[in-house]
């Protein structure tokens, strides 16, 4: 069974294979991979779970509405997402808000 480090390396290798094409320069490929990996590098597992949920549901509602959804007891989020969110400290929550905002500003299609 792979260790956590091995799992991360496998994930990076998968992303490298997914993002690299012969049409891209190595620099362009590296930038794409860094955009995917960098935001997660400093987040713990619970933060990553919550951030991924926020990203996956970004088109469903407003950014602040999604944050509010995590605090509701009758939330549409899966129990594991709610549990991960409930275990975060205030500082960890601010870090998620920052990462989500950074991701949103890079990926928002709205003019």
N, C-alpha and C. Protein backbone atom coordinates (compact mmCIF):
# COMPACT_ATOMS: atom_id res chain seq x y z
N UNK A 1 0.85 -1.18 0.00
CA UNK A 1 0.00 0.00 0.00
C UNK A 1 0.89 1.24 0.00
N UNK A 2 0.62 2.20 -0.90
CA UNK A 2 1.48 3.38 -0.99
C UNK A 2 1.37 4.28 0.25
N UNK A 3 2.48 4.92 0.57
CA UNK A 3 2.48 5.88 1.67
C UNK A 3 1.87 7.18 1.17
N UNK A 4 1.64 8.11 2.09
CA UNK A 4 1.07 9.40 1.72
C UNK A 4 1.98 10.11 0.72
N UNK A 5 3.27 10.06 0.95
CA UNK A 5 4.23 10.69 0.03
C UNK A 5 4.16 10.05 -1.34
N UNK A 6 4.09 8.72 -1.37
CA UNK A 6 4.00 8.03 -2.65
C UNK A 6 2.70 8.38 -3.37
N UNK A 7 1.61 8.50 -2.61
CA UNK A 7 0.33 8.88 -3.21
C UNK A 7 0.41 10.27 -3.82
N UNK A 8 1.07 11.19 -3.13
CA UNK A 8 1.23 12.54 -3.66
C UNK A 8 2.06 12.52 -4.95
N UNK A 9 3.12 11.73 -4.96
CA UNK A 9 3.95 11.63 -6.16
C UNK A 9 3.18 11.01 -7.33
N UNK A 10 2.38 10.01 -7.04
CA UNK A 10 1.54 9.40 -8.08
C UNK A 10 0.56 10.42 -8.63
N UNK A 11 -0.03 11.23 -7.73
CA UNK A 11 -0.96 12.27 -8.14
C UNK A 11 -0.27 13.31 -9.02
N UNK A 12 0.94 13.71 -8.64
CA UNK A 12 1.70 14.68 -9.43
C UNK A 12 2.03 14.09 -10.81
N UNK A 13 2.44 12.83 -10.84
CA UNK A 13 2.75 12.16 -12.11
C UNK A 13 1.50 12.11 -13.00
N UNK A 14 0.36 11.80 -12.41
CA UNK A 14 -0.90 11.77 -13.16
C UNK A 14 -1.20 13.14 -13.75
N UNK A 15 -1.05 14.18 -12.93
CA UNK A 15 -1.32 15.54 -13.41
C UNK A 15 -0.34 15.94 -14.50
N UNK A 16 0.90 15.54 -14.34
CA UNK A 16 1.90 15.84 -15.36
C UNK A 16 1.50 15.20 -16.68
N UNK A 17 1.13 13.94 -16.64
CA UNK A 17 0.70 13.24 -17.86
C UNK A 17 -0.55 13.88 -18.45
N UNK A 18 -1.46 14.33 -17.59
CA UNK A 18 -2.72 14.90 -18.04
C UNK A 18 -2.51 16.27 -18.70
N UNK A 19 -1.64 17.08 -18.14
CA UNK A 19 -1.48 18.45 -18.61
C UNK A 19 -0.45 18.62 -19.73
N UNK A 20 0.47 17.69 -19.86
CA UNK A 20 1.53 17.86 -20.85
C UNK A 20 1.05 17.43 -22.22
N UNK A 21 1.30 18.26 -23.19
CA UNK A 21 1.08 17.86 -24.57
C UNK A 21 2.28 18.36 -25.37
N UNK A 22 2.52 17.76 -26.49
CA UNK A 22 3.67 18.14 -27.30
C UNK A 22 3.56 19.59 -27.79
N UNK A 23 2.35 20.12 -27.83
CA UNK A 23 2.15 21.49 -28.27
C UNK A 23 2.56 22.50 -27.20
N UNK A 24 2.63 22.07 -25.95
CA UNK A 24 2.98 22.97 -24.85
C UNK A 24 4.48 23.02 -24.64
N UNK A 25 4.93 24.17 -24.21
CA UNK A 25 6.33 24.27 -23.80
C UNK A 25 6.46 23.68 -22.40
N UNK A 26 7.65 23.25 -22.02
CA UNK A 26 7.84 22.74 -20.65
C UNK A 26 7.44 23.78 -19.60
N UNK A 27 7.72 25.06 -19.88
CA UNK A 27 7.38 26.12 -18.93
C UNK A 27 5.87 26.24 -18.76
N UNK A 28 5.14 26.17 -19.87
CA UNK A 28 3.68 26.25 -19.83
C UNK A 28 3.10 25.08 -19.05
N UNK A 29 3.64 23.90 -19.29
CA UNK A 29 3.17 22.71 -18.57
C UNK A 29 3.44 22.85 -17.08
N UNK A 30 4.62 23.33 -16.72
CA UNK A 30 4.96 23.52 -15.32
C UNK A 30 4.01 24.52 -14.65
N UNK A 31 3.69 25.61 -15.34
CA UNK A 31 2.75 26.59 -14.78
C UNK A 31 1.39 25.96 -14.52
N UNK A 32 0.91 25.15 -15.45
CA UNK A 32 -0.39 24.50 -15.28
C UNK A 32 -0.37 23.57 -14.07
N UNK A 33 0.69 22.81 -13.93
CA UNK A 33 0.79 21.87 -12.81
C UNK A 33 0.90 22.63 -11.49
N UNK A 34 1.70 23.69 -11.46
CA UNK A 34 1.83 24.48 -10.24
C UNK A 34 0.49 25.08 -9.82
N UNK A 35 -0.32 25.51 -10.79
CA UNK A 35 -1.64 26.05 -10.46
C UNK A 35 -2.52 25.02 -9.78
N UNK A 36 -2.35 23.75 -10.16
CA UNK A 36 -3.14 22.68 -9.56
C UNK A 36 -2.59 22.28 -8.20
N UNK A 37 -1.28 22.17 -8.10
CA UNK A 37 -0.65 21.64 -6.89
C UNK A 37 -0.44 22.70 -5.82
N UNK A 38 -0.02 23.88 -6.20
CA UNK A 38 0.38 24.93 -5.25
C UNK A 38 -0.68 25.24 -4.19
N UNK A 39 -1.94 25.48 -4.56
CA UNK A 39 -2.91 25.82 -3.52
C UNK A 39 -3.08 24.73 -2.47
N UNK A 40 -2.85 23.48 -2.83
CA UNK A 40 -3.04 22.39 -1.89
C UNK A 40 -1.81 22.14 -1.03
N UNK A 41 -0.67 22.63 -1.45
CA UNK A 41 0.58 22.29 -0.79
C UNK A 41 0.60 22.66 0.68
N UNK A 42 -0.02 23.76 1.05
CA UNK A 42 0.04 24.23 2.43
C UNK A 42 -1.22 23.92 3.22
N UNK A 43 -2.16 23.22 2.64
CA UNK A 43 -3.42 22.93 3.32
C UNK A 43 -3.41 21.52 3.88
N UNK A 44 -4.01 21.35 5.06
CA UNK A 44 -4.11 20.01 5.63
C UNK A 44 -5.25 19.25 4.94
N UNK A 45 -5.42 18.00 5.32
CA UNK A 45 -6.39 17.14 4.64
C UNK A 45 -7.82 17.68 4.73
N UNK A 46 -8.23 18.13 5.92
CA UNK A 46 -9.58 18.68 6.06
C UNK A 46 -9.77 19.92 5.21
N UNK A 47 -8.75 20.77 5.16
CA UNK A 47 -8.83 21.97 4.33
C UNK A 47 -8.95 21.60 2.85
N UNK A 48 -8.19 20.61 2.42
CA UNK A 48 -8.24 20.19 1.03
C UNK A 48 -9.61 19.63 0.67
N UNK A 49 -10.21 18.87 1.58
CA UNK A 49 -11.54 18.30 1.35
C UNK A 49 -12.56 19.43 1.16
N UNK A 50 -12.51 20.41 2.04
CA UNK A 50 -13.46 21.53 1.97
C UNK A 50 -13.21 22.37 0.72
N UNK A 51 -11.95 22.67 0.43
CA UNK A 51 -11.62 23.47 -0.74
C UNK A 51 -12.08 22.78 -2.02
N UNK A 52 -11.86 21.49 -2.13
CA UNK A 52 -12.31 20.76 -3.32
C UNK A 52 -13.83 20.82 -3.46
N UNK A 53 -14.55 20.71 -2.34
CA UNK A 53 -16.01 20.81 -2.39
C UNK A 53 -16.42 22.19 -2.88
N UNK A 54 -15.78 23.23 -2.36
CA UNK A 54 -16.09 24.59 -2.80
C UNK A 54 -15.85 24.75 -4.30
N UNK A 55 -14.72 24.27 -4.77
CA UNK A 55 -14.40 24.38 -6.20
C UNK A 55 -15.41 23.61 -7.05
N UNK A 56 -15.73 22.39 -6.62
CA UNK A 56 -16.64 21.55 -7.40
C UNK A 56 -18.05 22.10 -7.45
N UNK A 57 -18.41 22.94 -6.48
CA UNK A 57 -19.75 23.50 -6.43
C UNK A 57 -19.79 24.98 -6.77
N UNK A 58 -18.71 25.52 -7.27
CA UNK A 58 -18.61 26.96 -7.54
C UNK A 58 -19.65 27.46 -8.52
N UNK A 59 -20.03 26.64 -9.48
CA UNK A 59 -21.03 27.06 -10.46
C UNK A 59 -22.45 26.97 -9.92
N UNK A 60 -22.62 26.26 -8.82
CA UNK A 60 -23.94 26.05 -8.23
C UNK A 60 -24.48 27.32 -7.58
N UNK A 61 -23.61 28.09 -6.95
CA UNK A 61 -24.08 29.27 -6.24
C UNK A 61 -23.00 30.32 -6.12
N UNK A 62 -23.28 31.28 -5.27
CA UNK A 62 -22.31 32.35 -5.06
C UNK A 62 -21.21 31.87 -4.12
N UNK A 63 -20.04 32.49 -4.18
CA UNK A 63 -18.97 32.08 -3.27
C UNK A 63 -19.38 32.16 -1.80
N UNK A 64 -20.01 33.25 -1.40
CA UNK A 64 -20.41 33.38 0.00
C UNK A 64 -21.56 32.44 0.33
N UNK A 65 -22.41 32.15 -0.64
CA UNK A 65 -23.49 31.20 -0.42
C UNK A 65 -22.97 29.80 -0.16
N UNK A 66 -21.91 29.43 -0.85
CA UNK A 66 -21.30 28.12 -0.63
C UNK A 66 -20.70 28.01 0.76
N UNK A 67 -20.04 29.08 1.20
CA UNK A 67 -19.49 29.10 2.56
C UNK A 67 -20.61 28.93 3.57
N UNK A 68 -21.69 29.66 3.37
CA UNK A 68 -22.84 29.56 4.28
C UNK A 68 -23.41 28.14 4.28
N UNK A 69 -23.45 27.52 3.12
CA UNK A 69 -23.99 26.16 3.00
C UNK A 69 -23.25 25.18 3.91
N UNK A 70 -21.96 25.39 4.09
CA UNK A 70 -21.17 24.49 4.94
C UNK A 70 -21.54 24.60 6.41
N UNK A 71 -22.12 25.70 6.82
CA UNK A 71 -22.44 25.90 8.24
C UNK A 71 -23.84 25.44 8.60
N UNK A 72 -24.66 25.15 7.60
CA UNK A 72 -26.04 24.73 7.86
C UNK A 72 -26.08 23.25 8.26
N UNK A 73 -26.92 22.93 9.18
CA UNK A 73 -27.06 21.53 9.61
C UNK A 73 -27.79 20.69 8.56
N UNK A 74 -28.61 21.29 7.76
CA UNK A 74 -29.32 20.55 6.71
C UNK A 74 -28.67 20.82 5.35
N UNK A 75 -27.37 20.91 5.37
CA UNK A 75 -26.59 21.25 4.18
C UNK A 75 -26.71 20.18 3.11
N UNK A 76 -26.55 20.62 1.87
CA UNK A 76 -26.51 19.68 0.75
C UNK A 76 -25.16 18.98 0.67
N UNK A 77 -24.16 19.48 1.39
CA UNK A 77 -22.83 18.88 1.38
C UNK A 77 -22.86 17.53 2.10
N UNK A 78 -22.04 16.62 1.63
CA UNK A 78 -21.95 15.30 2.25
C UNK A 78 -21.45 15.42 3.69
N UNK A 79 -21.79 14.45 4.49
CA UNK A 79 -21.42 14.47 5.91
C UNK A 79 -19.90 14.60 6.10
N UNK A 80 -19.12 13.95 5.26
CA UNK A 80 -17.66 14.03 5.42
C UNK A 80 -17.15 15.45 5.16
N UNK A 81 -17.82 16.19 4.29
CA UNK A 81 -17.44 17.58 4.02
C UNK A 81 -17.75 18.44 5.23
N UNK A 82 -18.95 18.24 5.79
CA UNK A 82 -19.37 18.99 6.98
C UNK A 82 -18.43 18.69 8.14
N UNK A 83 -18.11 17.41 8.33
CA UNK A 83 -17.20 17.01 9.42
C UNK A 83 -15.83 17.65 9.24
N UNK A 84 -15.31 17.62 8.02
CA UNK A 84 -14.01 18.24 7.75
C UNK A 84 -14.06 19.73 8.07
N UNK A 85 -15.14 20.39 7.67
CA UNK A 85 -15.29 21.83 7.93
C UNK A 85 -15.38 22.10 9.43
N UNK A 86 -16.14 21.31 10.13
CA UNK A 86 -16.35 21.52 11.57
C UNK A 86 -15.06 21.33 12.38
N UNK A 87 -14.11 20.60 11.85
CA UNK A 87 -12.85 20.34 12.56
C UNK A 87 -11.78 21.40 12.30
N UNK A 88 -12.09 22.38 11.46
CA UNK A 88 -11.11 23.41 11.14
C UNK A 88 -11.06 24.49 12.21
N UNK A 89 -9.85 24.99 12.45
CA UNK A 89 -9.69 26.14 13.33
C UNK A 89 -10.07 27.41 12.55
N UNK A 90 -10.16 28.52 13.25
CA UNK A 90 -10.45 29.80 12.57
C UNK A 90 -9.35 30.12 11.55
N UNK A 91 -8.10 29.92 11.94
CA UNK A 91 -6.99 30.20 11.02
C UNK A 91 -7.10 29.32 9.78
N UNK A 92 -7.39 28.04 9.96
CA UNK A 92 -7.53 27.13 8.82
C UNK A 92 -8.69 27.55 7.92
N UNK A 93 -9.76 28.06 8.52
CA UNK A 93 -10.89 28.55 7.71
C UNK A 93 -10.47 29.76 6.89
N UNK A 94 -9.72 30.68 7.49
CA UNK A 94 -9.23 31.84 6.74
C UNK A 94 -8.32 31.40 5.59
N UNK A 95 -7.51 30.38 5.82
CA UNK A 95 -6.63 29.88 4.77
C UNK A 95 -7.43 29.30 3.60
N UNK A 96 -8.53 28.62 3.91
CA UNK A 96 -9.40 28.09 2.86
C UNK A 96 -10.05 29.24 2.10
N UNK A 97 -10.54 30.23 2.83
CA UNK A 97 -11.15 31.39 2.16
C UNK A 97 -10.16 32.03 1.20
N UNK A 98 -8.93 32.16 1.64
CA UNK A 98 -7.89 32.76 0.80
C UNK A 98 -7.63 31.90 -0.44
N UNK A 99 -7.48 30.60 -0.25
CA UNK A 99 -7.22 29.70 -1.38
C UNK A 99 -8.40 29.67 -2.34
N UNK A 100 -9.62 29.67 -1.81
CA UNK A 100 -10.82 29.65 -2.65
C UNK A 100 -10.94 30.96 -3.43
N UNK A 101 -10.66 32.07 -2.77
CA UNK A 101 -10.71 33.37 -3.45
C UNK A 101 -9.67 33.43 -4.56
N UNK A 102 -8.46 32.97 -4.27
CA UNK A 102 -7.40 32.98 -5.28
C UNK A 102 -7.80 32.11 -6.47
N UNK A 103 -8.32 30.92 -6.19
CA UNK A 103 -8.76 30.02 -7.25
C UNK A 103 -9.89 30.67 -8.05
N UNK A 104 -10.85 31.26 -7.35
CA UNK A 104 -11.99 31.87 -8.02
C UNK A 104 -11.60 33.02 -8.94
N UNK A 105 -10.68 33.85 -8.49
CA UNK A 105 -10.25 34.98 -9.31
C UNK A 105 -9.50 34.52 -10.55
N UNK A 106 -8.83 33.39 -10.47
CA UNK A 106 -8.12 32.86 -11.64
C UNK A 106 -9.06 32.15 -12.60
N UNK A 107 -10.13 31.59 -12.08
CA UNK A 107 -10.98 30.71 -12.88
C UNK A 107 -12.35 31.25 -13.21
N UNK A 108 -12.72 32.41 -12.69
CA UNK A 108 -14.06 32.95 -12.92
C UNK A 108 -14.23 33.33 -14.39
N UNK A 109 -15.28 32.84 -15.00
CA UNK A 109 -15.57 33.11 -16.40
C UNK A 109 -16.40 34.37 -16.59
N UNK A 110 -16.94 34.88 -15.50
CA UNK A 110 -17.84 36.03 -15.55
C UNK A 110 -17.05 37.30 -15.84
N UNK A 111 -17.55 38.13 -16.72
CA UNK A 111 -16.87 39.40 -17.04
C UNK A 111 -17.31 40.50 -16.12
